[in-house]
Protein backbone atom coordinates (compact mmCIF):
# COMPACT_ATOMS: atom_id res chain seq x y z
CA MET A 1 37.40 -22.67 10.22
CA TYR A 2 34.94 -19.94 11.41
CA LYS A 3 35.27 -16.40 9.89
CA TYR A 4 34.85 -13.87 12.32
CA LEU A 5 32.89 -10.60 11.33
CA SER A 6 32.64 -7.50 13.24
CA ALA A 7 29.50 -6.19 14.82
CA ASN A 8 29.46 -3.06 12.33
CA LYS A 9 29.21 -5.89 9.50
CA ILE A 10 26.99 -8.23 11.41
CA MET A 11 24.56 -4.96 11.74
CA ARG A 12 24.74 -4.11 8.19
CA LYS A 13 23.97 -7.67 7.29
CA TRP A 14 21.32 -7.59 9.63
CA LYS A 15 19.84 -4.35 8.57
CA ARG A 16 20.20 -5.99 4.59
CA LEU A 17 18.03 -8.96 5.56
CA ARG A 18 15.17 -6.71 7.16
CA ASP A 19 15.35 -4.65 4.16
CA THR A 20 15.01 -6.94 1.50
CA TYR A 21 12.05 -8.74 3.94
CA ASN A 22 10.23 -5.54 3.74
CA LYS A 23 11.06 -5.18 0.02
CA GLU A 24 9.60 -8.44 -0.71
CA LYS A 25 6.08 -8.03 1.53
CA ARG A 26 5.80 -4.53 -0.15
CA THR A 27 6.22 -6.35 -3.87
CA GLU A 28 3.50 -9.18 -2.53
CA LYS A 29 1.25 -6.87 -1.30
CA GLU A 30 0.86 -4.73 -4.35
CA LYS A 31 0.59 -7.70 -7.05
CA ARG A 32 -3.13 -7.43 -7.94
CA SER A 33 -5.28 -9.93 -8.28
CA GLY A 34 -5.45 -11.37 -11.70
CA SER A 35 -2.26 -9.49 -12.85
CA ALA A 36 0.08 -11.33 -15.25
CA ALA A 37 2.21 -13.55 -13.06
CA GLY A 38 5.80 -12.48 -12.36
CA SER A 39 8.78 -14.52 -12.63
CA GLY A 40 7.63 -16.72 -9.51
CA LYS A 41 10.86 -16.79 -7.82
CA ARG A 42 10.71 -15.55 -4.14
CA TRP A 43 13.55 -14.70 -1.67
CA LYS A 44 14.93 -17.83 -0.56
CA PHE A 45 14.63 -16.50 3.16
CA PHE A 46 11.61 -14.80 2.67
CA ALA A 47 9.15 -17.71 4.70
CA VAL A 48 12.02 -17.96 7.12
CA MET A 49 11.77 -14.34 7.66
CA GLY A 50 8.48 -14.26 8.76
CA PHE A 51 8.86 -13.84 12.38
CA LEU A 52 9.22 -10.28 11.92
CA ASP A 53 5.83 -9.77 10.76
CA PRO A 54 4.69 -8.51 14.36
CA PHE A 55 7.51 -6.29 14.92
CA LEU A 56 7.34 -4.32 11.63
CA THR A 57 4.74 -1.42 11.20
CA PRO A 58 4.52 0.36 7.77
CA ARG A 59 5.15 3.71 8.31
CA GLU A 60 2.82 6.98 6.77
CA THR A 61 3.91 8.16 3.70
CA SER A 62 4.09 11.80 2.87
CA GLY A 63 4.52 13.79 -0.01
CA ASN A 64 4.80 17.19 -0.85
CA MET A 65 1.28 17.42 -2.57
CA VAL A 66 -1.86 18.96 -0.92
CA ARG A 67 -4.80 16.77 -0.95
CA THR A 68 -7.68 19.17 -1.70
CA VAL A 69 -11.42 18.53 -2.79
CA GLU A 70 -10.29 21.05 -5.93
CA ASN A 71 -8.08 18.28 -7.03
CA PHE A 72 -10.64 15.43 -7.36
CA PRO A 73 -13.54 15.30 -10.05
CA PRO A 74 -16.93 14.93 -8.63
CA GLU A 75 -17.91 11.34 -8.68
CA ASP A 76 -21.86 12.23 -9.60
CA GLN A 77 -22.29 15.05 -11.80
CA GLY A 78 -25.88 15.42 -12.13
CA GLN A 79 -28.41 18.16 -12.77
CA PRO A 80 -28.30 20.99 -10.91
CA GLY A 81 -30.99 20.61 -7.83
CA GLU A 82 -30.44 16.88 -7.82
CA ALA A 83 -28.39 16.81 -4.68
CA ALA A 84 -28.84 14.29 -2.12
CA GLY A 85 -32.78 14.43 -1.01
CA GLU A 86 -33.51 17.05 -3.58
CA CYS A 87 -34.25 14.62 -6.09
CA GLN A 88 -38.59 14.68 -7.62
CA SER A 89 -40.24 12.66 -9.93
CA GLU A 90 -42.33 14.67 -13.14
CA GLY A 91 -45.43 16.06 -11.64
CA GLN A 92 -44.90 14.91 -7.94
CA GLY A 93 -43.63 17.66 -5.94
CA LEU A 94 -43.53 17.70 -2.23
CA GLN A 95 -46.21 19.21 -0.78
C-alpha cells in the first residue's frame, strides 16, 4: 500500500516544495496595491508552508551594470546657483 521513495527523490520533492513556496512569496510581494487582480488562485500548500518564513532570507542580487551617479538624471534641475542654501529672493541679498 505504501510506496517507498529513495532519499534522492524525497530531497528533490522537498526542494521543489521550497522553491515553489519562495516563488509564490515573491509573486505575492511583487503585486502592487491597486493593480489588476490576477487569477486569485493560490498554490494549495501556500498557507501550510508558512512555517518556513523565519528560515528564508532574501539573497542579495547582483548584476553586471555598475550603478553610478551619472546613470541617473538629477531630480531637481533648477537654475545655476540655486543649490541648497544658495537661493535668494529678489532684492534681498545676504549681507
